Amino acid sequence: MIITCPQCQSRYRINPEAGNKPLARVKCPGCHHTFEIELDAAAPVSAGDSEPASRPAPPLVLVVDDARFFREMICDLLAELPIRVETAADGATAWQQIQAHKPALLLIDLNIPGMSGQDLISTVRRDPSCRTVHILAMSGVLRGEEAARDVRHLGADDFINKSFKPRDLQLRVREILGI
């Protein structure tokens, strides 16, 4: 289930069945505030569940990376943000998801099999129905200002090296999405 820290408003995922207790004591990994949450009073929220009708659905972020470990790590890092996250392991699958769901933000590894990250960025930017989709390109191989300039030229909003600090990634996502 996804919970929100009452102190700093960070959102993150916990397993409500872990302790089989009606009440859990939680320490926020962001601000270190400790608080209690009633587990049986709140229904678990999964990535596919919708938000209450009074609030708009949180923005969808699609993480595109062929390394399962990296996709899962990014999902964990972004779990505390007020967003929904989906993943794709290659460019072709990502393009299908982009066409179907029009995510607000794409986090694209440039070195993916099949359709490369650069090709995916170009494809997204050529499609008029994707003009509002933001793109954050990532790479562990391509580094520096030249790589950043090249992907921005293709249409990416920003570039981040995969050796980022967790808070740096969260900050970039917040800035791009305006949250």
Protein backbone atom coordinates (compact mmCIF):
# COMPACT_ATOMS: atom_id res chain seq x y z
CA MET A 1 0.00 0.00 0.00
CA ILE A 2 1.12 3.56 -0.58
CA ILE A 3 1.34 5.84 2.44
CA THR A 4 2.14 9.53 2.83
CA CYS A 5 4.35 10.98 5.53
CA PRO A 6 2.33 13.59 7.46
CA GLN A 7 5.49 15.64 8.02
CA CYS A 8 7.10 16.00 4.57
CA GLN A 9 4.31 14.58 2.33
CA SER A 10 6.68 12.00 0.79
CA ARG A 11 4.88 8.96 -0.59
CA TYR A 12 6.22 5.43 -0.51
CA ARG A 13 5.13 1.83 -0.55
CA ILE A 14 4.87 -0.50 2.45
CA ASN A 15 3.69 -4.10 2.75
CA PRO A 16 0.59 -4.06 5.04
CA GLU A 17 0.74 -7.84 5.56
CA ALA A 18 4.33 -7.81 6.82
CA GLY A 19 3.50 -7.66 10.52
CA ASN A 20 -0.11 -8.89 10.62
CA LYS A 21 -0.94 -6.08 13.06
CA PRO A 22 -3.68 -3.47 12.78
CA LEU A 23 -1.24 -0.64 13.53
CA ALA A 24 2.23 -0.01 12.10
CA ARG A 25 4.94 2.35 13.32
CA VAL A 26 6.68 3.88 10.30
CA LYS A 27 9.85 5.96 10.01
CA CYS A 28 9.89 8.14 6.90
CA PRO A 29 13.05 7.50 4.86
CA GLY A 30 12.96 11.10 3.63
CA CYS A 31 12.61 13.25 6.76
CA HIS A 32 12.99 10.51 9.44
CA HIS A 33 9.67 11.49 11.06
CA THR A 34 8.12 8.55 12.93
CA PHE A 35 4.35 8.07 12.80
CA GLU A 36 1.70 5.36 13.13
CA ILE A 37 -0.71 4.18 10.47
CA GLU A 38 -3.78 1.96 10.78
CA LEU A 39 -3.28 -0.89 8.33
CA ASP A 40 -6.77 -2.36 8.30
CA ALA A 41 -8.40 1.07 7.80
CA ALA A 42 -6.60 1.76 4.54
CA ALA A 43 -7.07 -0.39 1.48
CA PRO A 44 -3.93 -1.38 -0.39
CA VAL A 45 -3.25 0.68 -3.49
CA SER A 46 -1.69 -0.94 -6.52
CA ALA A 47 -0.21 0.74 -9.59
CA GLY A 48 -3.41 0.08 -11.55
CA ASP A 49 -5.85 1.41 -8.94
CA SER A 50 -7.37 4.78 -9.58
CA GLU A 51 -7.26 7.72 -7.21
CA PRO A 52 -10.43 9.01 -5.53
CA ALA A 53 -12.73 10.92 -7.88
CA SER A 54 -12.12 14.20 -6.02
CA ARG A 55 -8.47 14.28 -7.12
CA PRO A 56 -7.05 13.95 -10.61
CA ALA A 57 -5.06 10.81 -11.31
CA PRO A 58 -1.36 11.22 -10.58
CA PRO A 59 0.89 11.59 -13.63
CA LEU A 60 2.14 8.41 -15.28
CA VAL A 61 5.89 7.89 -15.62
CA LEU A 62 7.19 5.16 -17.95
CA VAL A 63 10.66 3.79 -17.13
CA VAL A 64 12.34 2.23 -20.18
CA ASP A 65 15.43 0.15 -19.40
CA ASP A 66 16.49 -3.36 -20.39
CA ALA A 67 18.00 -4.06 -16.95
CA ARG A 68 15.26 -5.35 -14.63
CA PHE A 69 17.28 -4.42 -11.56
CA PHE A 70 17.58 -0.80 -12.72
CA ARG A 71 13.85 -0.58 -13.58
CA GLU A 72 12.96 -1.88 -10.11
CA MET A 73 15.45 0.46 -8.43
CA ILE A 74 13.98 3.49 -10.21
CA CYS A 75 10.45 2.39 -9.27
CA ASP A 76 11.54 2.17 -5.63
CA LEU A 77 13.20 5.60 -5.78
CA LEU A 78 10.11 7.20 -7.31
CA ALA A 79 7.60 5.42 -5.04
CA GLU A 80 7.44 8.33 -2.60
CA LEU A 81 6.47 10.82 -5.33
CA PRO A 82 2.79 11.44 -6.17
CA ILE A 83 3.04 9.59 -9.49
CA ARG A 84 2.22 6.24 -11.06
CA VAL A 85 5.11 4.26 -12.54
CA GLU A 86 5.09 1.63 -15.29
CA THR A 87 8.04 -0.05 -16.96
CA ALA A 88 9.14 -1.37 -20.33
CA ALA A 89 12.24 -3.44 -21.14
CA ASP A 90 12.72 -2.33 -24.75
CA GLY A 91 11.88 0.45 -27.17
CA ALA A 92 9.17 -1.39 -29.11
CA THR A 93 7.23 -2.29 -25.95
CA ALA A 94 7.70 1.24 -24.65
CA TRP A 95 6.31 2.72 -27.89
CA GLN A 96 3.19 0.54 -27.58
CA GLN A 97 2.68 1.72 -23.98
CA ILE A 98 3.29 5.35 -24.95
CA GLN A 99 0.66 5.16 -27.69
CA ALA A 100 -1.85 3.47 -25.38
CA HIS A 101 -1.36 5.54 -22.21
CA LYS A 102 0.37 8.83 -23.15
CA PRO A 103 2.54 9.04 -20.03
CA ALA A 104 3.49 12.45 -18.66
CA LEU A 105 7.18 11.50 -18.47
CA LEU A 106 9.47 8.93 -20.06
CA LEU A 107 12.72 7.90 -18.35
CA ILE A 108 14.61 6.32 -21.24
CA ASP A 109 17.90 4.45 -21.09
CA LEU A 110 19.74 5.29 -24.29
CA ASN A 111 21.27 1.80 -24.54
CA ILE A 112 18.28 -0.50 -24.97
CA PRO A 113 17.96 -3.38 -27.44
CA GLY A 114 16.05 -3.14 -30.69
CA MET A 115 14.78 0.41 -30.99
CA SER A 116 17.50 2.43 -29.22
CA GLY A 117 16.71 5.14 -26.72
CA GLN A 118 17.68 7.77 -29.29
CA ASP A 119 15.34 6.18 -31.86
CA LEU A 120 12.52 6.08 -29.30
CA ILE A 121 13.02 9.76 -28.45
CA SER A 122 12.90 10.66 -32.17
CA THR A 123 9.79 8.53 -32.70
CA VAL A 124 7.99 10.15 -29.76
CA ARG A 125 8.92 13.66 -30.93
CA ARG A 126 7.67 12.98 -34.48
CA ASP A 127 4.22 11.94 -33.21
CA PRO A 128 1.95 15.00 -32.77
CA SER A 129 -0.18 13.18 -30.18
CA CYS A 130 2.90 12.95 -27.90
CA ARG A 131 3.76 16.65 -27.88
CA THR A 132 3.03 16.94 -24.12
CA VAL A 133 5.13 13.91 -23.16
CA HIS A 134 8.31 14.89 -21.29
CA ILE A 135 11.52 12.88 -21.72
CA LEU A 136 14.40 12.35 -19.30
CA ALA A 137 17.18 10.42 -21.05
CA MET A 138 19.59 8.27 -19.01
CA SER A 139 22.83 6.49 -19.72
CA GLY A 140 25.58 4.72 -17.83
CA VAL A 141 27.82 4.65 -20.90
CA LEU A 142 27.29 8.01 -22.59
CA ARG A 143 28.34 10.76 -20.22
CA GLY A 144 29.02 14.44 -20.16
CA GLU A 145 27.75 17.55 -21.85
CA GLU A 146 28.11 16.17 -25.38
CA ALA A 147 25.70 13.29 -24.65
CA ALA A 148 23.30 15.69 -22.91
CA ARG A 149 23.43 18.10 -25.85
CA ASP A 150 22.84 15.28 -28.36
CA VAL A 151 19.72 13.93 -26.62
CA ARG A 152 18.33 17.42 -26.07
CA HIS A 153 18.80 18.00 -29.80
CA LEU A 154 16.71 14.85 -30.43
CA GLY A 155 13.96 16.25 -28.20
CA ALA A 156 14.69 15.06 -24.65
CA ASP A 157 13.88 17.58 -21.92
CA ASP A 158 16.88 16.59 -19.85
CA PHE A 159 19.67 14.03 -19.42
CA ILE A 160 20.93 12.28 -16.29
CA ASN A 161 23.88 9.96 -15.88
CA LYS A 162 22.96 6.59 -14.32
CA SER A 163 25.38 7.19 -11.48
CA PHE A 164 22.91 9.75 -10.09
CA LYS A 165 22.12 10.22 -6.40
CA PRO A 166 18.55 9.15 -5.54
CA ARG A 167 17.49 12.66 -4.52
CA ASP A 168 18.87 14.06 -7.79
CA LEU A 169 16.61 11.77 -9.81
CA GLN A 170 13.61 12.61 -7.64
CA LEU A 171 14.35 16.33 -8.00
CA ARG A 172 14.63 16.09 -11.80
CA VAL A 173 11.32 14.19 -12.02
CA ARG A 174 9.63 16.73 -9.73
CA GLU A 175 10.96 19.65 -11.79
CA ILE A 176 9.97 18.18 -15.14
CA LEU A 177 6.47 17.28 -13.94
CA GLY A 178 6.03 20.47 -11.91
CA ILE A 179 5.31 18.65 -8.62
